[in-house]
């Protein structure tokens, strides 16, 4: 018969906490101090070698004096020369005095060479605190430190672009998604609050909610494209604007036929280089904008040339010349209809803004002019390049 002992819970007595001593960092010796010591050591070594060579030369003169001949006055001390013992004593005194002189010269030389590095450090600390618009601007002379400064300036510029794109995306998304979300909520609340609502009423409310949701999806996708374009180009591939324009036109031809538009194309080879996805987005938004903001029996003409330029011209409403640049800002349009009636919104308000962001990311020239008879003519000119050689188009 086995006896069962009651289980005993043993609790360890709490141990007193041991305070961990903070890690001691090794004493930091400034770079100027180390460089000064190195320069001083070099200067001192050079002085020692000079004195040694002089002493050895005088000693060899004394040693080569024939037996019985009178020694040189420079080694005996007779005459105007300096005796070798006196020369050695003077050399020792000179070496002692050379120590502070070498240290002072080393400190000055090290400080002179480290001055650009201090400027880089202080400015980088200011920039890291949030002022990304500041730059080092070291200028001349061109050396390793100035090259480092130019590299950091490029890095700060890319960081500023990325942060600005993120802020624009958040601001635009929060502003533009608020209205459709509130509309969907109101639509559903009204449908649910109606006691006489039948299946047809609820179905119609759901269909309208789905339409608003589809608009939100297009808007979010457009905002992501805009943010990606503003961030800059991360890949450079050889491409042809004519090929991209031809593919986009083929996918939009049915839409143009439904609106009664004449879609004309004059696509000559236009080799360049860049991010194919972003360039395709630029071309698609240009053509979509030309189709959307047109009138029945209008026309859209797409032209590419060997200078790596694409031009999209379309008929449409007359646009004041001073309002053209406004169309390239996010959610700026000339009419009040948000869901496709506003000129320049591409259906979601950022179509031409994407075009401008992609052009800027590729260092391309963008020109837009209002046509006197109505509509727009937009030309984007990239850097020419040969297919198969991406670097030439950069």
Protein backbone atom coordinates (compact mmCIF):
# COMPACT_ATOMS: atom_id res chain seq x y z
CA UNK A 1 0.00 0.00 0.00
CA UNK A 2 1.50 3.15 -1.09
CA UNK A 3 1.25 6.17 1.08
CA UNK A 4 0.60 9.51 -0.55
CA UNK A 5 2.46 12.35 0.94
CA UNK A 6 0.95 15.74 0.52
CA UNK A 7 2.77 17.66 -2.11
CA UNK A 8 4.82 20.48 -0.79
CA UNK A 9 5.34 23.70 -2.70
CA UNK A 10 8.75 25.11 -2.14
CA UNK A 11 9.17 28.80 -2.74
CA UNK A 12 12.61 30.13 -3.21
CA UNK A 13 13.40 33.03 -0.98
CA UNK A 14 13.71 36.21 -2.98
CA UNK A 15 17.24 37.10 -3.68
CA UNK A 16 18.34 40.62 -3.27
CA UNK A 17 18.60 42.39 -6.56
CA UNK A 18 22.08 42.98 -7.70
CA UNK A 19 22.62 46.33 -9.21
CA UNK A 20 24.35 46.06 -12.48
CA UNK A 21 27.10 48.54 -12.77
CA UNK A 22 26.83 50.69 -15.85
CA UNK A 23 29.16 49.71 -18.61
CA UNK A 24 32.15 51.94 -18.67
CA UNK A 25 33.07 53.11 -22.04
CA UNK A 26 36.75 53.36 -22.71
CA UNK A 27 38.09 56.85 -22.51
CA UNK A 28 37.67 58.41 -25.92
CA UNK A 29 40.78 59.88 -27.42
CA UNK A 30 39.94 62.43 -30.04
CA UNK A 31 41.00 61.84 -33.60
CA UNK A 32 42.84 65.15 -33.58
CA UNK A 33 44.95 63.98 -30.62
CA UNK A 34 45.85 60.73 -32.35
CA UNK A 35 46.68 62.48 -35.61
CA UNK A 36 48.71 65.11 -33.74
CA UNK A 37 50.73 62.39 -32.02
CA UNK A 38 51.28 60.63 -35.34
CA UNK A 39 52.39 63.82 -37.08
CA UNK A 40 54.63 64.76 -34.14
CA UNK A 41 56.20 61.32 -34.18
CA UNK A 42 56.90 61.69 -37.88
CA UNK A 43 58.45 65.15 -37.45
CA UNK A 44 60.52 64.02 -34.46
CA UNK A 45 61.73 60.91 -36.29
CA UNK A 46 62.77 63.02 -39.25
CA UNK A 47 64.73 65.35 -36.92
CA UNK A 48 66.48 62.45 -35.25
CA UNK A 49 67.46 60.95 -38.60
CA UNK A 50 68.88 64.26 -39.82
CA UNK A 51 71.01 64.68 -36.68
CA UNK A 52 72.16 61.07 -36.83
CA UNK A 53 73.24 61.46 -40.45
CA UNK A 54 75.17 64.63 -39.60
CA UNK A 55 76.86 63.03 -36.59
CA UNK A 56 77.77 59.89 -38.56
CA UNK A 57 79.23 62.00 -41.35
CA UNK A 58 81.43 63.97 -38.93
CA UNK A 59 82.47 60.81 -37.14
CA UNK A 60 83.48 59.22 -40.45
CA UNK A 61 85.57 62.28 -41.28
CA UNK A 62 87.40 61.96 -37.96
CA UNK A 63 87.90 58.22 -38.47
CA UNK A 64 89.34 58.64 -41.95
CA UNK A 65 92.11 61.04 -40.76
CA UNK A 66 95.52 59.34 -41.40
CA UNK A 67 97.75 58.50 -38.43
CA UNK A 68 100.13 61.34 -37.74
CA UNK A 69 98.04 63.84 -39.70
CA UNK A 70 96.44 66.68 -37.92
CA UNK A 71 92.70 66.04 -37.32
CA UNK A 72 90.07 68.22 -38.88
CA UNK A 73 89.28 71.44 -37.00
CA UNK A 74 85.61 70.47 -37.12
CA UNK A 75 86.26 67.47 -34.88
CA UNK A 76 88.97 68.82 -32.58
CA UNK A 77 87.43 72.11 -31.78
CA UNK A 78 90.45 74.06 -33.04
CA UNK A 79 89.55 76.78 -35.44
CA UNK A 80 86.08 77.89 -36.45
CA UNK A 81 84.56 74.35 -36.65
CA UNK A 82 82.35 72.56 -34.10
CA UNK A 83 83.76 69.65 -32.17
CA UNK A 84 81.89 66.34 -32.38
CA UNK A 85 81.17 66.18 -28.60
CA UNK A 86 79.77 69.68 -28.67
CA UNK A 87 77.71 68.74 -31.74
CA UNK A 88 76.25 65.73 -29.94
CA UNK A 89 75.33 67.84 -26.91
CA UNK A 90 73.70 70.46 -29.12
CA UNK A 91 71.85 67.76 -31.00
CA UNK A 92 70.43 66.37 -27.76
CA UNK A 93 69.21 69.81 -26.71
CA UNK A 94 67.70 70.32 -30.17
CA UNK A 95 65.88 66.99 -29.95
CA UNK A 96 64.40 67.96 -26.58
CA UNK A 97 63.23 71.31 -27.95
CA UNK A 98 61.83 69.58 -31.04
CA UNK A 99 59.29 67.64 -28.96
CA UNK A 100 56.90 70.57 -28.16
CA UNK A 101 57.47 72.05 -31.61
CA UNK A 102 56.51 68.75 -33.28
CA UNK A 103 53.45 68.38 -31.04
CA UNK A 104 52.27 71.91 -31.80
CA UNK A 105 52.75 71.49 -35.54
CA UNK A 106 51.01 68.10 -35.47
CA UNK A 107 48.06 69.58 -33.54
CA UNK A 108 47.67 72.46 -35.99
CA UNK A 109 47.94 70.26 -39.07
CA UNK A 110 45.47 67.70 -37.66
CA UNK A 111 42.99 70.46 -36.77
CA UNK A 112 43.24 71.91 -40.26
CA UNK A 113 42.47 68.58 -41.92
CA UNK A 114 39.69 67.69 -39.48
CA UNK A 115 37.82 70.99 -39.87
CA UNK A 116 35.58 69.67 -42.69
CA UNK A 117 34.88 66.55 -40.64
CA UNK A 118 33.70 68.69 -37.71
CA UNK A 119 31.44 70.61 -40.08
CA UNK A 120 30.01 67.31 -41.35
CA UNK A 121 29.37 66.07 -37.81
CA UNK A 122 27.71 69.25 -36.54
CA UNK A 123 25.50 69.65 -39.61
CA UNK A 124 24.56 65.95 -39.59
CA UNK A 125 23.46 66.28 -35.96
CA UNK A 126 21.25 69.24 -36.89
CA UNK A 127 19.80 67.38 -39.86
CA UNK A 128 19.10 64.24 -37.81
CA UNK A 129 17.12 66.36 -35.38
CA UNK A 130 14.47 66.88 -38.08
CA UNK A 131 15.68 69.64 -40.39
CA UNK A 132 16.15 67.49 -43.47
CA UNK A 133 16.29 70.52 -45.75
CA UNK A 134 19.79 71.43 -44.50
CA UNK A 135 22.81 70.38 -46.56
CA UNK A 136 26.55 70.18 -45.86
CA UNK A 137 27.69 72.12 -48.96
CA UNK A 138 31.41 71.59 -48.32
CA UNK A 139 32.46 72.94 -51.72
CA UNK A 140 36.15 73.14 -52.56
CA UNK A 141 38.74 71.73 -52.33
CA UNK A 142 37.64 68.39 -53.73
CA UNK A 143 39.05 65.63 -51.57
CA UNK A 144 37.87 62.50 -49.76
CA UNK A 145 36.02 64.50 -47.08
CA UNK A 146 34.20 66.69 -49.60
CA UNK A 147 33.21 63.55 -51.54
CA UNK A 148 31.83 62.14 -48.29
CA UNK A 149 29.91 65.38 -47.80
CA UNK A 150 28.41 65.17 -51.30
CA UNK A 151 27.41 61.56 -50.67
CA UNK A 152 25.70 62.53 -47.41
CA UNK A 153 23.94 65.43 -49.16
CA UNK A 154 22.51 62.98 -51.70
CA UNK A 155 21.45 60.69 -48.87
CA UNK A 156 19.72 63.52 -47.01
CA UNK A 157 17.95 64.58 -50.21
CA UNK A 158 16.60 61.05 -50.72
CA UNK A 159 15.52 60.85 -47.10
CA UNK A 160 13.74 64.18 -47.37
CA UNK A 161 11.97 63.03 -50.52
CA UNK A 162 10.90 59.78 -48.85
CA UNK A 163 9.62 61.56 -45.73
CA UNK A 164 7.77 64.16 -47.79
CA UNK A 165 6.16 61.42 -49.87
CA UNK A 166 5.06 59.63 -46.71
CA UNK A 167 3.60 62.80 -45.23
CA UNK A 168 1.79 63.62 -48.47
CA UNK A 169 0.38 60.11 -48.66
CA UNK A 170 -0.93 60.18 -45.10
CA UNK A 171 -2.40 63.66 -45.52
CA UNK A 172 -4.03 62.89 -48.85
CA UNK A 173 -5.37 59.51 -47.76
CA UNK A 174 -6.83 60.82 -44.51
CA UNK A 175 -8.43 63.78 -46.31
CA UNK A 176 -9.84 62.00 -49.33
CA UNK A 177 -11.00 58.76 -47.67
CA UNK A 178 -12.98 60.55 -44.97
CA UNK A 179 -15.82 61.64 -47.28
CA UNK A 180 -16.53 58.28 -49.01
CA UNK A 181 -16.30 56.40 -45.72
CA UNK A 182 -18.79 58.78 -44.14
CA UNK A 183 -21.02 58.38 -47.22
CA UNK A 184 -21.02 54.59 -46.94
CA UNK A 185 -21.86 54.77 -43.25
CA UNK A 186 -24.74 57.20 -43.88
CA UNK A 187 -26.04 55.07 -46.73
CA UNK A 188 -26.12 51.93 -44.60
CA UNK A 189 -27.59 53.71 -41.58
CA UNK A 190 -30.45 55.13 -43.67
CA UNK A 191 -31.17 51.72 -45.22
CA UNK A 192 -31.22 49.99 -41.84
CA UNK A 193 -33.31 52.70 -40.17
CA UNK A 194 -36.07 52.44 -42.79
CA UNK A 195 -38.76 50.13 -41.32
CA UNK A 196 -40.35 49.66 -44.75
CA UNK A 197 -37.12 48.69 -46.48
CA UNK A 198 -37.54 45.66 -48.67
CA UNK A 199 -35.08 43.43 -50.46
CA UNK A 200 -34.84 45.76 -53.46
CA UNK A 201 -34.05 48.78 -51.26
CA UNK A 202 -31.35 46.93 -49.34
CA UNK A 203 -29.92 45.51 -52.57
CA UNK A 204 -29.71 49.00 -54.09
CA UNK A 205 -27.98 50.31 -50.94
CA UNK A 206 -25.47 47.47 -51.07
CA UNK A 207 -24.76 48.09 -54.76
CA UNK A 208 -24.14 51.75 -54.10
CA UNK A 209 -21.88 50.87 -51.16
CA UNK A 210 -19.94 48.50 -53.43
CA UNK A 211 -19.53 51.28 -56.01
CA UNK A 212 -18.16 53.63 -53.36
CA UNK A 213 -15.85 50.87 -52.14
CA UNK A 214 -14.52 50.34 -55.66
CA UNK A 215 -13.83 54.06 -55.89
CA UNK A 216 -11.94 53.89 -52.58
CA UNK A 217 -9.83 51.01 -53.89
CA UNK A 218 -8.90 53.02 -56.99
CA UNK A 219 -8.12 56.03 -54.84
CA UNK A 220 -5.85 54.07 -52.47
CA UNK A 221 -4.06 52.47 -55.42
CA UNK A 222 -3.54 55.90 -56.99
CA UNK A 223 -2.23 57.32 -53.71
CA UNK A 224 0.22 54.43 -53.38
CA UNK A 225 1.41 55.03 -56.94
CA UNK A 226 1.84 58.72 -56.16
CA UNK A 227 3.84 57.96 -53.00
CA UNK A 228 6.02 55.47 -54.89
CA UNK A 229 6.67 58.02 -57.64
CA UNK A 230 7.62 60.73 -55.16
CA UNK A 231 10.05 58.37 -53.44
CA UNK A 232 12.19 58.23 -56.58
CA UNK A 233 13.50 55.68 -59.06
CA UNK A 234 15.12 52.58 -57.56
CA UNK A 235 15.73 50.66 -60.80
CA UNK A 236 16.80 51.71 -64.30
CA UNK A 237 15.93 49.44 -67.20
CA UNK A 238 16.08 50.06 -70.92
CA UNK A 239 12.61 50.69 -72.33
CA UNK A 240 10.81 52.17 -75.33
CA UNK A 241 8.05 54.73 -74.84
CA UNK A 242 6.45 53.62 -78.13
CA UNK A 243 6.00 50.04 -76.86
CA UNK A 244 4.53 51.19 -73.55
CA UNK A 245 2.19 53.69 -75.24
CA UNK A 246 1.04 51.03 -77.72
CA UNK A 247 0.13 48.61 -74.93
CA UNK A 248 -1.75 51.27 -72.96
CA UNK A 249 -3.63 52.44 -76.08
CA UNK A 250 -4.68 48.89 -76.88
CA UNK A 251 -6.22 48.51 -73.42
CA UNK A 252 -8.05 51.87 -73.63
CA UNK A 253 -9.38 51.67 -77.17
CA UNK A 254 -12.75 50.17 -76.21
CA UNK A 255 -13.26 52.90 -73.61
CA UNK A 256 -12.53 55.56 -76.24
CA UNK A 257 -14.98 53.95 -78.69
CA UNK A 258 -17.74 53.96 -76.08
CA UNK A 259 -17.22 57.70 -75.61
CA UNK A 260 -17.12 58.29 -79.36
CA UNK A 261 -13.51 59.49 -79.36
CA UNK A 262 -11.04 59.25 -82.23
CA UNK A 263 -7.90 57.63 -80.82
CA UNK A 264 -4.91 58.38 -83.07
CA UNK A 265 -1.33 57.26 -82.55
CA UNK A 266 1.98 58.22 -84.13
CA UNK A 267 4.46 55.99 -82.35
CA UNK A 268 8.07 56.29 -83.49
CA UNK A 269 10.75 54.42 -81.50
CA UNK A 270 11.60 56.41 -78.37
CA UNK A 271 14.30 54.53 -76.41
CA UNK A 272 15.14 55.66 -72.91
CA UNK A 273 15.68 54.09 -69.48
CA UNK A 274 13.87 54.15 -66.15
CA UNK A 275 11.45 52.22 -64.02
CA UNK A 276 9.09 50.49 -66.49
CA UNK A 277 6.26 50.29 -63.96
CA UNK A 278 6.39 53.99 -63.14
CA UNK A 279 6.74 55.02 -66.79
CA UNK A 280 3.74 52.85 -67.69
CA UNK A 281 1.79 54.56 -64.90
CA UNK A 282 2.76 57.97 -66.34
CA UNK A 283 1.59 57.02 -69.86
CA UNK A 284 -1.62 55.41 -68.57
CA UNK A 285 -2.57 58.44 -66.51
CA UNK A 286 -1.89 60.78 -69.43
CA UNK A 287 -4.15 58.77 -71.76
CA UNK A 288 -6.82 58.20 -69.10
CA UNK A 289 -6.90 61.92 -68.37
CA UNK A 290 -7.24 62.70 -72.10
CA UNK A 291 -10.10 60.22 -72.52
CA UNK A 292 -11.98 61.09 -69.36
CA UNK A 293 -11.95 64.87 -69.82
CA UNK A 294 -13.09 65.04 -73.39
CA UNK A 295 -16.35 65.60 -75.22
CA UNK A 296 -18.27 63.30 -77.60
CA UNK A 297 -16.79 63.13 -81.09
CA UNK A 298 -13.52 64.45 -79.68
CA UNK A 299 -10.06 63.13 -80.33
CA UNK A 300 -6.94 61.94 -78.50
CA UNK A 301 -3.54 61.92 -80.22
CA UNK A 302 -0.53 60.11 -78.77
CA UNK A 303 2.89 60.77 -80.31
CA UNK A 304 6.38 59.49 -79.49
CA UNK A 305 9.66 60.45 -81.16
CA UNK A 306 13.32 59.48 -81.20
CA UNK A 307 14.16 62.15 -78.63
CA UNK A 308 12.49 59.99 -75.93
CA UNK A 309 9.44 62.25 -75.77
CA UNK A 310 5.76 61.38 -75.52
CA UNK A 311 3.00 63.89 -76.27
CA UNK A 312 -0.69 63.39 -75.50
CA UNK A 313 -3.05 65.97 -76.97
CA UNK A 314 -6.82 65.89 -76.59
CA UNK A 315 -9.88 67.95 -77.26
CA UNK A 316 -12.11 69.01 -74.41
CA UNK A 317 -13.27 72.03 -72.44
CA UNK A 318 -11.39 75.29 -72.73
CA UNK A 319 -8.90 75.72 -69.88
CA UNK A 320 -7.59 79.11 -68.73
CA UNK A 321 -3.84 79.27 -69.28
CA UNK A 322 -3.15 80.30 -65.69
CA UNK A 323 -4.98 77.23 -64.37
CA UNK A 324 -2.93 74.57 -66.17
CA UNK A 325 -0.28 74.11 -63.46
CA UNK A 326 -3.00 73.76 -60.84
CA UNK A 327 -4.14 70.54 -62.48
CA UNK A 328 -0.87 68.83 -61.54
CA UNK A 329 -1.51 69.22 -57.81
CA UNK A 330 -3.28 66.39 -55.95
CA UNK A 331 -7.09 66.76 -55.84
CA UNK A 332 -7.09 70.02 -57.79
CA UNK A 333 -9.67 70.32 -60.55
CA UNK A 334 -11.71 72.88 -62.41
CA UNK A 335 -15.17 71.47 -61.71
CA UNK A 336 -16.85 70.29 -58.57
CA UNK A 337 -17.76 66.73 -59.53
CA UNK A 338 -15.39 64.47 -57.65
CA UNK A 339 -16.29 61.18 -59.29
CA UNK A 340 -14.96 61.82 -62.76
CA UNK A 341 -16.29 65.23 -63.71
CA UNK A 342 -13.36 67.28 -62.51
CA UNK A 343 -10.78 68.03 -65.15
CA UNK A 344 -7.39 66.66 -64.29
CA UNK A 345 -8.52 64.32 -61.52
CA UNK A 346 -8.27 61.10 -63.55
CA UNK A 347 -11.29 59.85 -61.62
CA UNK A 348 -9.51 59.97 -58.27
CA UNK A 349 -7.83 63.35 -58.09
CA UNK A 350 -4.17 62.41 -58.46
CA UNK A 351 -3.82 61.39 -62.13
CA UNK A 352 -1.75 64.33 -63.33
CA UNK A 353 -0.01 64.55 -59.96
CA UNK A 354 1.31 61.03 -60.61
CA UNK A 355 2.47 62.15 -64.07
CA UNK A 356 4.42 65.04 -62.57
CA UNK A 357 5.92 62.90 -59.78
CA UNK A 358 7.10 60.21 -62.22
CA UNK A 359 8.59 62.85 -64.52
CA UNK A 360 10.47 64.47 -61.65
CA UNK A 361 11.75 61.10 -60.43
CA UNK A 362 13.22 60.43 -63.90
CA UNK A 363 14.57 64.00 -64.33
CA UNK A 364 12.26 64.35 -67.32
CA UNK A 365 10.98 67.67 -68.66
CA UNK A 366 7.21 68.09 -68.46
CA UNK A 367 5.43 70.81 -70.40
CA UNK A 368 1.68 71.37 -70.58
CA UNK A 369 -0.27 73.95 -72.50
CA UNK A 370 -3.94 74.69 -72.93
CA UNK A 371 -5.10 74.36 -76.52
CA UNK A 372 -7.00 77.45 -77.80
CA UNK A 373 -9.80 75.26 -79.20
CA UNK A 374 -10.07 73.34 -75.90
CA UNK A 375 -8.27 70.51 -74.19
CA UNK A 376 -4.67 69.98 -73.21
CA UNK A 377 -1.37 69.08 -74.84
CA UNK A 378 1.14 67.48 -72.46
CA UNK A 379 4.69 66.50 -73.41
CA UNK A 380 7.11 64.53 -71.24
CA UNK A 381 10.71 64.39 -72.50
CA UNK A 382 13.01 61.78 -70.99
CA UNK A 383 16.77 61.41 -71.40
CA UNK A 384 17.40 59.62 -74.72
CA UNK A 385 19.05 56.24 -74.54
CA UNK A 386 19.64 53.17 -76.65
CA UNK A 387 17.73 49.97 -75.87
CA UNK A 388 19.91 47.45 -74.10
CA UNK A 389 22.03 50.17 -72.50
CA UNK A 390 20.17 51.35 -69.39
CA UNK A 391 22.98 53.55 -68.15
CA UNK A 392 22.86 55.78 -71.22
CA UNK A 393 19.36 56.88 -70.37
CA UNK A 394 20.17 58.00 -66.88
